[in-house]
């Protein structure tokens, strides 16, 4: 299963409207992935060359409602089916003070991780964590919200993938899970290392509240997914998120351009109430409950918050 992720919106606190990430679930058994990419490329070739940017790429935001509707019919309306995991946030409604509190809690965890690795005599890891904390602290609020929402999208997409693979009878694809994300804010290789650690923290916290769904029968009968992704009875997804979760350029990957068109349709309809025909097609492929999950950072009393090492994956 290939999970292709793209976003729409600046995510800046001053920006109006709702900002989105979407993950496309594209099966890879046989030539299913190649079929879907071929469908998209055939449709893409029908567009005027004048729409291409400097990289020779056509972005969904540049297309008309009619063109996006035609994309939806040609790519989503034609087998093989692909799924969509959408998540959203209203950046303008996230108060700077609340963002500061949430960032502070994460930074405390990172700093405690630095102390812990130094105490263990692992200065190289401690140095990495210290640099990561500095990078994380300097992110502007828009990038911070983008990092947070991307983590939500990745975890939700994983849960949806497992659930639909089981119900659809293609569990074998779980052994070849991989993510490809449109390259945006993570370009420096060192920053990619930092982001993976942030993602590990998000995965730990999100799944503690919304566990990854696994069949109970797997515990007794065994399953290749458990053999590959568990250790000492617990999920261990390091191989997935270190080796098979990468950022890439959309002009080199048609899967990411499909995601770009999809998120353009979703954003245009929900922010401007335009392109209803295209949205009507793609919304049928929303997974789980068929709705867009919206994230909102909750306020809390920081003065009453206390650090708990048991809830800190950085240690």
C-alpha atoms as a PDB file:
ATOM      1  CA  UNK A   1       0.000   0.000   0.000  1.00  0.00           C
ATOM      2  CA  UNK A   2       1.334   3.395  -0.999  1.00  0.00           C
ATOM      3  CA  UNK A   3       0.215   6.417   1.030  1.00  0.00           C
ATOM      4  CA  UNK A   4       0.762   9.662  -0.923  1.00  0.00           C
ATOM      5  CA  UNK A   5       0.333  12.877   1.093  1.00  0.00           C
ATOM      6  CA  UNK A   6      -0.053  16.521   0.082  1.00  0.00           C
ATOM      7  CA  UNK A   7      -1.416  19.669   1.719  1.00  0.00           C
ATOM      8  CA  UNK A   8      -3.294  22.870   0.927  1.00  0.00           C
ATOM      9  CA  UNK A   9      -3.028  26.184   2.753  1.00  0.00           C
ATOM     10  CA  UNK A  10      -0.327  28.353   4.304  1.00  0.00           C
ATOM     11  CA  UNK A  11      -1.162  27.216   7.863  1.00  0.00           C
ATOM     12  CA  UNK A  12      -0.174  30.666   9.130  1.00  0.00           C
ATOM     13  CA  UNK A  13      -2.212  31.953  12.115  1.00  0.00           C
ATOM     14  CA  UNK A  14      -3.224  35.032  10.115  1.00  0.00           C
ATOM     15  CA  UNK A  15      -4.483  32.931   7.202  1.00  0.00           C
ATOM     16  CA  UNK A  16      -8.210  32.581   6.741  1.00  0.00           C
ATOM     17  CA  UNK A  17     -10.092  29.405   5.973  1.00  0.00           C
ATOM     18  CA  UNK A  18      -9.376  25.774   6.650  1.00  0.00           C
ATOM     19  CA  UNK A  19      -6.094  24.057   5.759  1.00  0.00           C
ATOM     20  CA  UNK A  20      -5.835  20.401   4.816  1.00  0.00           C
ATOM     21  CA  UNK A  21      -3.645  17.349   4.468  1.00  0.00           C
ATOM     22  CA  UNK A  22      -4.888  14.367   2.468  1.00  0.00           C
ATOM     23  CA  UNK A  23      -3.377  10.904   2.274  1.00  0.00           C
ATOM     24  CA  UNK A  24      -4.250   8.800  -0.771  1.00  0.00           C
ATOM     25  CA  UNK A  25      -4.364   5.028  -0.301  1.00  0.00           C
ATOM     26  CA  UNK A  26      -3.159   3.422  -3.534  1.00  0.00           C
ATOM     27  CA  UNK A  27      -2.846  -0.341  -3.701  1.00  0.00           C
ATOM     28  CA  UNK A  28       0.308  -1.874  -5.178  1.00  0.00           C
ATOM     29  CA  UNK A  29      -0.621  -5.530  -5.751  1.00  0.00           C
ATOM     30  CA  UNK A  30       0.194  -6.548  -9.320  1.00  0.00           C
ATOM     31  CA  UNK A  31       0.131  -3.412 -11.430  1.00  0.00           C
ATOM     32  CA  UNK A  32      -2.615  -1.514  -9.549  1.00  0.00           C
ATOM     33  CA  UNK A  33      -0.310   1.414  -8.787  1.00  0.00           C
ATOM     34  CA  UNK A  34       0.892   1.591 -12.380  1.00  0.00           C
ATOM     35  CA  UNK A  35      -2.725   1.523 -13.629  1.00  0.00           C
ATOM     36  CA  UNK A  36      -3.717   4.446 -11.445  1.00  0.00           C
ATOM     37  CA  UNK A  37      -0.679   6.509 -12.398  1.00  0.00           C
ATOM     38  CA  UNK A  38      -1.300   5.750 -16.095  1.00  0.00           C
ATOM     39  CA  UNK A  39      -4.896   6.962 -15.779  1.00  0.00           C
ATOM     40  CA  UNK A  40      -3.719  10.185 -14.185  1.00  0.00           C
ATOM     41  CA  UNK A  41      -0.958  10.799 -16.723  1.00  0.00           C
ATOM     42  CA  UNK A  42      -3.393  10.224 -19.596  1.00  0.00           C
ATOM     43  CA  UNK A  43      -5.734  12.822 -18.092  1.00  0.00           C
ATOM     44  CA  UNK A  44      -2.866  15.210 -17.343  1.00  0.00           C
ATOM     45  CA  UNK A  45      -1.773  15.146 -20.993  1.00  0.00           C
ATOM     46  CA  UNK A  46      -5.165  16.558 -22.026  1.00  0.00           C
ATOM     47  CA  UNK A  47      -4.485  19.826 -20.174  1.00  0.00           C
ATOM     48  CA  UNK A  48      -3.114  22.920 -21.960  1.00  0.00           C
ATOM     49  CA  UNK A  49       0.667  23.251 -21.773  1.00  0.00           C
ATOM     50  CA  UNK A  50       0.185  26.875 -20.721  1.00  0.00           C
ATOM     51  CA  UNK A  51      -0.862  25.644 -17.261  1.00  0.00           C
ATOM     52  CA  UNK A  52       2.571  24.176 -16.526  1.00  0.00           C
ATOM     53  CA  UNK A  53       4.852  25.928 -14.063  1.00  0.00           C
ATOM     54  CA  UNK A  54       8.651  26.313 -14.337  1.00  0.00           C
ATOM     55  CA  UNK A  55       9.130  22.650 -13.365  1.00  0.00           C
ATOM     56  CA  UNK A  56       6.755  21.480 -16.074  1.00  0.00           C
ATOM     57  CA  UNK A  57       4.160  20.605 -13.432  1.00  0.00           C
ATOM     58  CA  UNK A  58       0.465  21.482 -13.319  1.00  0.00           C
ATOM     59  CA  UNK A  59      -0.924  22.370  -9.890  1.00  0.00           C
ATOM     60  CA  UNK A  60      -4.535  21.759  -8.919  1.00  0.00           C
ATOM     61  CA  UNK A  61      -4.982  25.356  -7.757  1.00  0.00           C
ATOM     62  CA  UNK A  62      -4.464  26.524 -11.366  1.00  0.00           C
ATOM     63  CA  UNK A  63      -7.315  24.433 -12.795  1.00  0.00           C
ATOM     64  CA  UNK A  64     -10.945  25.294 -13.348  1.00  0.00           C
ATOM     65  CA  UNK A  65     -13.784  23.588 -11.502  1.00  0.00           C
ATOM     66  CA  UNK A  66     -14.665  21.720 -14.689  1.00  0.00           C
ATOM     67  CA  UNK A  67     -11.103  20.454 -15.146  1.00  0.00           C
ATOM     68  CA  UNK A  68     -10.939  19.228 -11.541  1.00  0.00           C
ATOM     69  CA  UNK A  69     -14.316  17.520 -11.938  1.00  0.00           C
ATOM     70  CA  UNK A  70     -13.009  15.750 -15.016  1.00  0.00           C
ATOM     71  CA  UNK A  71      -9.926  14.673 -13.049  1.00  0.00           C
ATOM     72  CA  UNK A  72     -12.164  13.235 -10.319  1.00  0.00           C
ATOM     73  CA  UNK A  73     -14.191  11.261 -12.853  1.00  0.00           C
ATOM     74  CA  UNK A  74     -11.174   9.928 -14.744  1.00  0.00           C
ATOM     75  CA  UNK A  75      -8.999   9.038 -11.735  1.00  0.00           C
ATOM     76  CA  UNK A  76     -11.405   8.346  -8.866  1.00  0.00           C
ATOM     77  CA  UNK A  77     -14.366   7.250 -10.925  1.00  0.00           C
ATOM     78  CA  UNK A  78     -12.361   4.594 -12.771  1.00  0.00           C
ATOM     79  CA  UNK A  79     -11.128   1.348 -11.135  1.00  0.00           C
ATOM     80  CA  UNK A  80      -8.946   0.460  -9.338  1.00  0.00           C
ATOM     81  CA  UNK A  81     -10.403   2.325  -6.369  1.00  0.00           C
ATOM     82  CA  UNK A  82      -8.240   4.491  -4.110  1.00  0.00           C
ATOM     83  CA  UNK A  83      -9.100   5.796  -0.654  1.00  0.00           C
ATOM     84  CA  UNK A  84      -8.652   9.198   0.992  1.00  0.00           C
ATOM     85  CA  UNK A  85      -7.766  10.099   4.578  1.00  0.00           C
ATOM     86  CA  UNK A  86      -8.385  13.850   5.012  1.00  0.00           C
ATOM     87  CA  UNK A  87      -7.529  15.984   8.063  1.00  0.00           C
ATOM     88  CA  UNK A  88      -7.969  19.723   8.592  1.00  0.00           C
ATOM     89  CA  UNK A  89      -7.210  22.643  10.877  1.00  0.00           C
ATOM     90  CA  UNK A  90      -8.414  26.253  11.104  1.00  0.00           C
ATOM     91  CA  UNK A  91      -5.064  27.935  11.695  1.00  0.00           C
ATOM     92  CA  UNK A  92      -6.614  31.311  12.430  1.00  0.00           C
ATOM     93  CA  UNK A  93      -8.512  29.827  15.381  1.00  0.00           C
ATOM     94  CA  UNK A  94      -5.391  28.457  17.058  1.00  0.00           C
ATOM     95  CA  UNK A  95      -4.375  31.166  19.528  1.00  0.00           C
ATOM     96  CA  UNK A  96      -0.643  31.898  19.720  1.00  0.00           C
ATOM     97  CA  UNK A  97      -0.699  31.417  23.496  1.00  0.00           C
ATOM     98  CA  UNK A  98      -2.189  27.924  23.168  1.00  0.00           C
ATOM     99  CA  UNK A  99       0.390  27.010  20.527  1.00  0.00           C
ATOM    100  CA  UNK A 100       3.116  28.226  22.912  1.00  0.00           C
ATOM    101  CA  UNK A 101       1.832  25.951  25.674  1.00  0.00           C
ATOM    102  CA  UNK A 102       1.741  22.851  23.476  1.00  0.00           C
ATOM    103  CA  UNK A 103       5.188  23.605  22.064  1.00  0.00           C
ATOM    104  CA  UNK A 104       6.531  24.100  25.600  1.00  0.00           C
ATOM    105  CA  UNK A 105       5.341  20.652  26.675  1.00  0.00           C
ATOM    106  CA  UNK A 106       7.065  19.043  23.675  1.00  0.00           C
ATOM    107  CA  UNK A 107      10.273  20.984  24.303  1.00  0.00           C
ATOM    108  CA  UNK A 108      10.369  19.872  27.930  1.00  0.00           C
ATOM    109  CA  UNK A 109      10.183  16.260  26.739  1.00  0.00           C
ATOM    110  CA  UNK A 110      13.008  16.823  24.247  1.00  0.00           C
ATOM    111  CA  UNK A 111      15.218  18.534  26.862  1.00  0.00           C
ATOM    112  CA  UNK A 112      14.617  15.685  29.303  1.00  0.00           C
ATOM    113  CA  UNK A 113      15.628  13.280  26.553  1.00  0.00           C
ATOM    114  CA  UNK A 114      18.890  15.219  26.176  1.00  0.00           C
ATOM    115  CA  UNK A 115      19.588  14.800  29.896  1.00  0.00           C
ATOM    116  CA  UNK A 116      18.740  11.109  29.791  1.00  0.00           C
ATOM    117  CA  UNK A 117      21.041  10.278  26.871  1.00  0.00           C
ATOM    118  CA  UNK A 118      23.902  12.224  28.418  1.00  0.00           C
ATOM    119  CA  UNK A 119      23.427  10.258  31.647  1.00  0.00           C
ATOM    120  CA  UNK A 120      23.595   7.042  29.601  1.00  0.00           C
ATOM    121  CA  UNK A 121      26.889   8.109  28.081  1.00  0.00           C
ATOM    122  CA  UNK A 122      25.450   8.636  24.589  1.00  0.00           C
ATOM    123  CA  UNK A 123      26.606  12.169  23.731  1.00  0.00           C
ATOM    124  CA  UNK A 124      25.928  11.883  19.980  1.00  0.00           C
ATOM    125  CA  UNK A 125      22.219  11.140  20.514  1.00  0.00           C
ATOM    126  CA  UNK A 126      22.036  13.859  23.171  1.00  0.00           C
ATOM    127  CA  UNK A 127      23.548  16.347  20.706  1.00  0.00           C
ATOM    128  CA  UNK A 128      21.016  15.377  18.048  1.00  0.00           C
ATOM    129  CA  UNK A 129      18.154  15.925  20.486  1.00  0.00           C
ATOM    130  CA  UNK A 130      19.568  19.273  21.567  1.00  0.00           C
ATOM    131  CA  UNK A 131      19.791  20.448  17.954  1.00  0.00           C
ATOM    132  CA  UNK A 132      16.294  19.089  17.312  1.00  0.00           C
ATOM    133  CA  UNK A 133      14.916  21.099  20.231  1.00  0.00           C
ATOM    134  CA  UNK A 134      16.498  24.258  18.855  1.00  0.00           C
ATOM    135  CA  UNK A 135      15.018  23.587  15.413  1.00  0.00           C
ATOM    136  CA  UNK A 136      11.585  22.816  16.849  1.00  0.00           C
ATOM    137  CA  UNK A 137      11.622  25.938  19.019  1.00  0.00           C
ATOM    138  CA  UNK A 138      12.435  28.185  16.049  1.00  0.00           C
ATOM    139  CA  UNK A 139       9.604  26.932  13.817  1.00  0.00           C
ATOM    140  CA  UNK A 140       7.094  29.691  13.195  1.00  0.00           C
ATOM    141  CA  UNK A 141       3.543  28.958  14.294  1.00  0.00           C
ATOM    142  CA  UNK A 142       2.418  28.120  10.771  1.00  0.00           C
ATOM    143  CA  UNK A 143       5.107  25.476  10.324  1.00  0.00           C
ATOM    144  CA  UNK A 144       4.447  24.180  13.832  1.00  0.00           C
ATOM    145  CA  UNK A 145       0.777  23.612  12.981  1.00  0.00           C
ATOM    146  CA  UNK A 146       1.788  21.977   9.707  1.00  0.00           C
ATOM    147  CA  UNK A 147       4.054  19.526  11.547  1.00  0.00           C
ATOM    148  CA  UNK A 148       1.259  18.724  14.015  1.00  0.00           C
ATOM    149  CA  UNK A 149      -1.402  18.161  11.347  1.00  0.00           C
ATOM    150  CA  UNK A 150       0.917  16.089   9.150  1.00  0.00           C
ATOM    151  CA  UNK A 151       1.509  13.755  12.092  1.00  0.00           C
ATOM    152  CA  UNK A 152      -2.254  13.382  12.565  1.00  0.00           C
ATOM    153  CA  UNK A 153      -2.676  12.591   8.881  1.00  0.00           C
ATOM    154  CA  UNK A 154       0.087   9.966   8.916  1.00  0.00           C
ATOM    155  CA  UNK A 155      -1.286   8.163  11.975  1.00  0.00           C
ATOM    156  CA  UNK A 156      -4.915   8.305  10.790  1.00  0.00           C
ATOM    157  CA  UNK A 157      -3.875   6.982   7.392  1.00  0.00           C
ATOM    158  CA  UNK A 158      -2.079   4.061   9.032  1.00  0.00           C
ATOM    159  CA  UNK A 159      -5.169   3.118  11.041  1.00  0.00           C
ATOM    160  CA  UNK A 160      -7.390   3.374   7.967  1.00  0.00           C
ATOM    161  CA  UNK A 161      -4.973   1.318   5.886  1.00  0.00           C
ATOM    162  CA  UNK A 162      -4.938  -1.564   8.355  1.00  0.00           C
ATOM    163  CA  UNK A 163      -8.704  -1.527   8.825  1.00  0.00           C
ATOM    164  CA  UNK A 164      -9.512  -1.470   5.123  1.00  0.00           C
ATOM    165  CA  UNK A 165      -6.818  -4.005   4.211  1.00  0.00           C
ATOM    166  CA  UNK A 166      -8.334  -6.458   6.691  1.00  0.00           C
ATOM    167  CA  UNK A 167     -11.931  -5.852   5.604  1.00  0.00           C
ATOM    168  CA  UNK A 168     -10.963  -5.833   1.921  1.00  0.00           C
ATOM    169  CA  UNK A 169      -8.928  -9.028   2.088  1.00  0.00           C
ATOM    170  CA  UNK A 170      -5.586  -7.602   0.967  1.00  0.00           C
ATOM    171  CA  UNK A 171      -3.639  -7.844   4.229  1.00  0.00           C
ATOM    172  CA  UNK A 172      -0.515  -8.883   2.325  1.00  0.00           C
ATOM    173  CA  UNK A 173      -0.101  -5.248   1.237  1.00  0.00           C
ATOM    174  CA  UNK A 174       0.493  -4.243   4.861  1.00  0.00           C
ATOM    175  CA  UNK A 175       3.971  -5.758   4.599  1.00  0.00           C
ATOM    176  CA  UNK A 176       4.861  -3.255   1.867  1.00  0.00           C
ATOM    177  CA  UNK A 177       3.499  -0.107   3.453  1.00  0.00           C
ATOM    178  CA  UNK A 178       5.255   3.076   2.439  1.00  0.00           C
ATOM    179  CA  UNK A 179       4.636   6.816   2.666  1.00  0.00           C
ATOM    180  CA  UNK A 180       5.596   9.463   0.140  1.00  0.00           C
ATOM    181  CA  UNK A 181       5.033  13.100   1.175  1.00  0.00           C
ATOM    182  CA  UNK A 182       5.225  16.203  -0.999  1.00  0.00           C
ATOM    183  CA  UNK A 183       8.493  17.942  -0.154  1.00  0.00           C
ATOM    184  CA  UNK A 184       7.775  21.289   1.474  1.00  0.00           C
ATOM    185  CA  UNK A 185       9.131  22.382   4.837  1.00  0.00           C
ATOM    186  CA  UNK A 186      11.510  19.441   5.395  1.00  0.00           C
ATOM    187  CA  UNK A 187      14.322  19.829   2.878  1.00  0.00           C
ATOM    188  CA  UNK A 188      17.521  19.723   4.929  1.00  0.00           C
ATOM    189  CA  UNK A 189      18.640  16.111   5.643  1.00  0.00           C
ATOM    190  CA  UNK A 190      19.371  17.054   9.259  1.00  0.00           C
ATOM    191  CA  UNK A 191      15.873  18.478   9.637  1.00  0.00           C
ATOM    192  CA  UNK A 192      14.484  15.224   8.258  1.00  0.00           C
ATOM    193  CA  UNK A 193      16.158  13.409  11.157  1.00  0.00           C
ATOM    194  CA  UNK A 194      14.561  15.871  13.589  1.00  0.00           C
ATOM    195  CA  UNK A 195      11.134  15.510  11.964  1.00  0.00           C
ATOM    196  CA  UNK A 196      11.233  11.719  12.215  1.00  0.00           C
ATOM    197  CA  UNK A 197      11.829  12.009  15.957  1.00  0.00           C
ATOM    198  CA  UNK A 198       8.954  14.490  16.283  1.00  0.00           C
ATOM    199  CA  UNK A 199       6.762  12.048  14.340  1.00  0.00           C
ATOM    200  CA  UNK A 200       7.740   9.229  16.706  1.00  0.00           C
ATOM    201  CA  UNK A 201       6.555  11.400  19.605  1.00  0.00           C
ATOM    202  CA  UNK A 202       3.267  12.152  17.824  1.00  0.00           C
ATOM    203  CA  UNK A 203       2.731   8.482  16.992  1.00  0.00           C
ATOM    204  CA  UNK A 204       3.209   7.556  20.655  1.00  0.00           C
ATOM    205  CA  UNK A 205       0.787  10.201  21.949  1.00  0.00           C
ATOM    206  CA  UNK A 206      -1.928   9.831  19.288  1.00  0.00           C
ATOM    207  CA  UNK A 207      -2.055   6.033  19.463  1.00  0.00           C
ATOM    208  CA  UNK A 208      -2.178   6.092  23.270  1.00  0.00           C
ATOM    209  CA  UNK A 209      -5.620   7.690  22.823  1.00  0.00           C
ATOM    210  CA  UNK A 210      -6.589   6.109  19.488  1.00  0.00           C
ATOM    211  CA  UNK A 211      -4.835   2.716  19.278  1.00  0.00           C
ATOM    212  CA  UNK A 212      -3.905   1.264  15.899  1.00  0.00           C
ATOM    213  CA  UNK A 213      -6.595  -1.356  15.082  1.00  0.00           C
ATOM    214  CA  UNK A 214      -5.346  -4.931  14.990  1.00  0.00           C
ATOM    215  CA  UNK A 215      -7.339  -8.165  14.805  1.00  0.00           C
ATOM    216  CA  UNK A 216      -7.508 -10.056  18.091  1.00  0.00           C
ATOM    217  CA  UNK A 217      -7.143 -13.297  16.147  1.00  0.00           C
ATOM    218  CA  UNK A 218      -3.658 -12.224  15.087  1.00  0.00           C
ATOM    219  CA  UNK A 219      -2.498 -12.536  18.691  1.00  0.00           C
ATOM    220  CA  UNK A 220      -3.306 -16.251  18.753  1.00  0.00           C
ATOM    221  CA  UNK A 221      -2.928 -17.321  15.133  1.00  0.00           C
ATOM    222  CA  UNK A 222      -0.011 -15.045  14.304  1.00  0.00           C
ATOM    223  CA  UNK A 223       0.292 -12.770  11.288  1.00  0.00           C
ATOM    224  CA  UNK A 224       3.185 -11.565   9.093  1.00  0.00           C
ATOM    225  CA  UNK A 225       2.315  -7.947  10.004  1.00  0.00           C
ATOM    226  CA  UNK A 226       2.905  -8.670  13.697  1.00  0.00           C
ATOM    227  CA  UNK A 227       6.093 -10.565  12.900  1.00  0.00           C
ATOM    228  CA  UNK A 228       7.426  -7.558  11.009  1.00  0.00           C
ATOM    229  CA  UNK A 229       6.142  -4.652  13.077  1.00  0.00           C
ATOM    230  CA  UNK A 230       6.068  -5.818  16.712  1.00  0.00           C
ATOM    231  CA  UNK A 231       8.770  -6.334  19.304  1.00  0.00           C
ATOM    232  CA  UNK A 232       8.238  -7.699  22.796  1.00  0.00           C
ATOM    233  CA  UNK A 233       4.491  -7.647  22.236  1.00  0.00           C
ATOM    234  CA  UNK A 234       4.320  -3.977  21.226  1.00  0.00           C
ATOM    235  CA  UNK A 235       4.135  -2.214  17.872  1.00  0.00           C
ATOM    236  CA  UNK A 236       7.568  -1.206  16.577  1.00  0.00           C
ATOM    237  CA  UNK A 237       7.175   0.895  13.425  1.00  0.00           C
ATOM    238  CA  UNK A 238      10.775   2.114  13.131  1.00  0.00           C
ATOM    239  CA  UNK A 239      11.299   0.302   9.823  1.00  0.00           C
ATOM    240  CA  UNK A 240       8.174   1.896   8.345  1.00  0.00           C
ATOM    241  CA  UNK A 241       8.888   5.461   9.431  1.00  0.00           C
ATOM    242  CA  UNK A 242      12.661   5.447   8.976  1.00  0.00           C
ATOM    243  CA  UNK A 243      13.080   3.460   5.770  1.00  0.00           C
ATOM    244  CA  UNK A 244       9.688   3.791   4.076  1.00  0.00           C
ATOM    245  CA  UNK A 245       8.468   7.297   4.895  1.00  0.00           C
ATOM    246  CA  UNK A 246      10.074   9.943   2.710  1.00  0.00           C
ATOM    247  CA  UNK A 247       9.594  13.400   1.230  1.00  0.00           C
ATOM    248  CA  UNK A 248       9.785  13.751  -2.547  1.00  0.00           C
ATOM    249  CA  UNK A 249       9.192  16.237  -5.362  1.00  0.00           C
ATOM    250  CA  UNK A 250       5.730  16.109  -6.881  1.00  0.00           C
ATOM    251  CA  UNK A 251       6.976  16.802 -10.417  1.00  0.00           C
ATOM    252  CA  UNK A 252       8.810  13.449 -10.203  1.00  0.00           C
ATOM    253  CA  UNK A 253       5.924  11.463  -8.729  1.00  0.00           C
ATOM    254  CA  UNK A 254       2.445  11.317 -10.340  1.00  0.00           C
ATOM    255  CA  UNK A 255       1.071   9.862  -7.071  1.00  0.00           C
ATOM    256  CA  UNK A 256       1.810  13.200  -5.368  1.00  0.00           C
ATOM    257  CA  UNK A 257       0.206  15.139  -8.198  1.00  0.00           C
ATOM    258  CA  UNK A 258      -2.946  13.044  -7.762  1.00  0.00           C
ATOM    259  CA  UNK A 259      -2.875  14.045  -4.089  1.00  0.00           C
ATOM    260  CA  UNK A 260      -2.380  17.700  -5.101  1.00  0.00           C
ATOM    261  CA  UNK A 261      -5.464  17.645  -7.335  1.00  0.00           C
ATOM    262  CA  UNK A 262      -7.472  15.916  -4.617  1.00  0.00           C
ATOM    263  CA  UNK A 263      -6.612  18.394  -1.870  1.00  0.00           C
ATOM    264  CA  UNK A 264      -7.288  21.273  -4.293  1.00  0.00           C
ATOM    265  CA  UNK A 265     -10.827  19.951  -4.825  1.00  0.00           C
ATOM    266  CA  UNK A 266     -11.425  19.532  -1.088  1.00  0.00           C
ATOM    267  CA  UNK A 267     -10.036  22.958  -0.193  1.00  0.00           C
ATOM    268  CA  UNK A 268     -11.841  24.807  -2.977  1.00  0.00           C
ATOM    269  CA  UNK A 269     -15.223  23.397  -2.059  1.00  0.00           C
ATOM    270  CA  UNK A 270     -14.987  23.693   1.725  1.00  0.00           C
ATOM    271  CA  UNK A 271     -13.360  27.144   1.741  1.00  0.00           C
ATOM    272  CA  UNK A 272     -15.086  28.784  -1.232  1.00  0.00           C
ATOM    273  CA  UNK A 273     -18.067  26.533  -1.934  1.00  0.00           C
ATOM    274  CA  UNK A 274     -16.849  26.064  -5.496  1.00  0.00           C
ATOM    275  CA  UNK A 275     -16.321  22.863  -7.465  1.00  0.00           C
ATOM    276  CA  UNK A 276     -19.201  20.963  -5.898  1.00  0.00           C
ATOM    277  CA  UNK A 277     -19.267  18.393  -8.723  1.00  0.00           C
ATOM    278  CA  UNK A 278     -15.641  17.363  -8.201  1.00  0.00           C
ATOM    279  CA  UNK A 279     -16.042  17.294  -4.443  1.00  0.00           C
ATOM    280  CA  UNK A 280     -19.127  15.124  -4.804  1.00  0.00           C
ATOM    281  CA  UNK A 281     -17.001  12.511  -6.563  1.00  0.00           C
ATOM    282  CA  UNK A 282     -13.984  12.437  -4.252  1.00  0.00           C
ATOM    283  CA  UNK A 283     -15.931  12.577  -0.983  1.00  0.00           C
ATOM    284  CA  UNK A 284     -17.270   9.089  -1.713  1.00  0.00           C
ATOM    285  CA  UNK A 285     -13.735   7.797  -1.206  1.00  0.00           C
ATOM    286  CA  UNK A 286     -13.198   9.283   2.274  1.00  0.00           C
ATOM    287  CA  UNK A 287     -12.316   6.395   4.576  1.00  0.00           C
ATOM    288  CA  UNK A 288     -13.388   5.515   8.127  1.00  0.00           C
ATOM    289  CA  UNK A 289     -16.600   7.466   8.869  1.00  0.00           C
ATOM    290  CA  UNK A 290     -16.534   9.384   5.592  1.00  0.00           C
ATOM    291  CA  UNK A 291     -15.834  12.736   7.262  1.00  0.00           C
ATOM    292  CA  UNK A 292     -12.901  15.116   7.489  1.00  0.00           C
ATOM    293  CA  UNK A 293     -11.355  15.046  10.954  1.00  0.00           C
ATOM    294  CA  UNK A 294     -10.611  18.549  12.208  1.00  0.00           C
ATOM    295  CA  UNK A 295      -7.836  19.156  14.711  1.00  0.00           C
ATOM    296  CA  UNK A 296      -7.970  21.897  17.312  1.00  0.00           C
ATOM    297  CA  UNK A 297      -5.338  22.473  19.978  1.00  0.00           C
ATOM    298  CA  UNK A 298      -7.013  22.499  23.375  1.00  0.00           C
ATOM    299  CA  UNK A 299      -6.182  25.091  25.989  1.00  0.00           C
ATOM    300  CA  UNK A 300      -4.915  23.971  29.384  1.00  0.00           C
ATOM    301  CA  UNK A 301      -3.425  25.437  32.548  1.00  0.00           C
ATOM    302  CA  UNK A 302       0.324  25.291  31.966  1.00  0.00           C
ATOM    303  CA  UNK A 303       1.058  26.320  35.557  1.00  0.00           C
ATOM    304  CA  UNK A 304      -0.719  23.163  36.750  1.00  0.00           C
ATOM    305  CA  UNK A 305       1.018  20.888  34.225  1.00  0.00           C
ATOM    306  CA  UNK A 306       3.741  18.619  35.570  1.00  0.00           C
ATOM    307  CA  UNK A 307       6.308  16.682  33.588  1.00  0.00           C
ATOM    308  CA  UNK A 308       5.746  12.902  33.678  1.00  0.00           C
ATOM    309  CA  UNK A 309       8.638  10.790  32.403  1.00  0.00           C
ATOM    310  CA  UNK A 310       6.270   7.869  31.762  1.00  0.00           C
ATOM    311  CA  UNK A 311       4.572   9.948  29.062  1.00  0.00           C
ATOM    312  CA  UNK A 312       7.757  11.053  27.336  1.00  0.00           C
ATOM    313  CA  UNK A 313       8.819   8.877  24.377  1.00  0.00           C
ATOM    314  CA  UNK A 314      12.027  10.909  24.008  1.00  0.00           C
ATOM    315  CA  UNK A 315      13.374   9.144  27.102  1.00  0.00           C
END
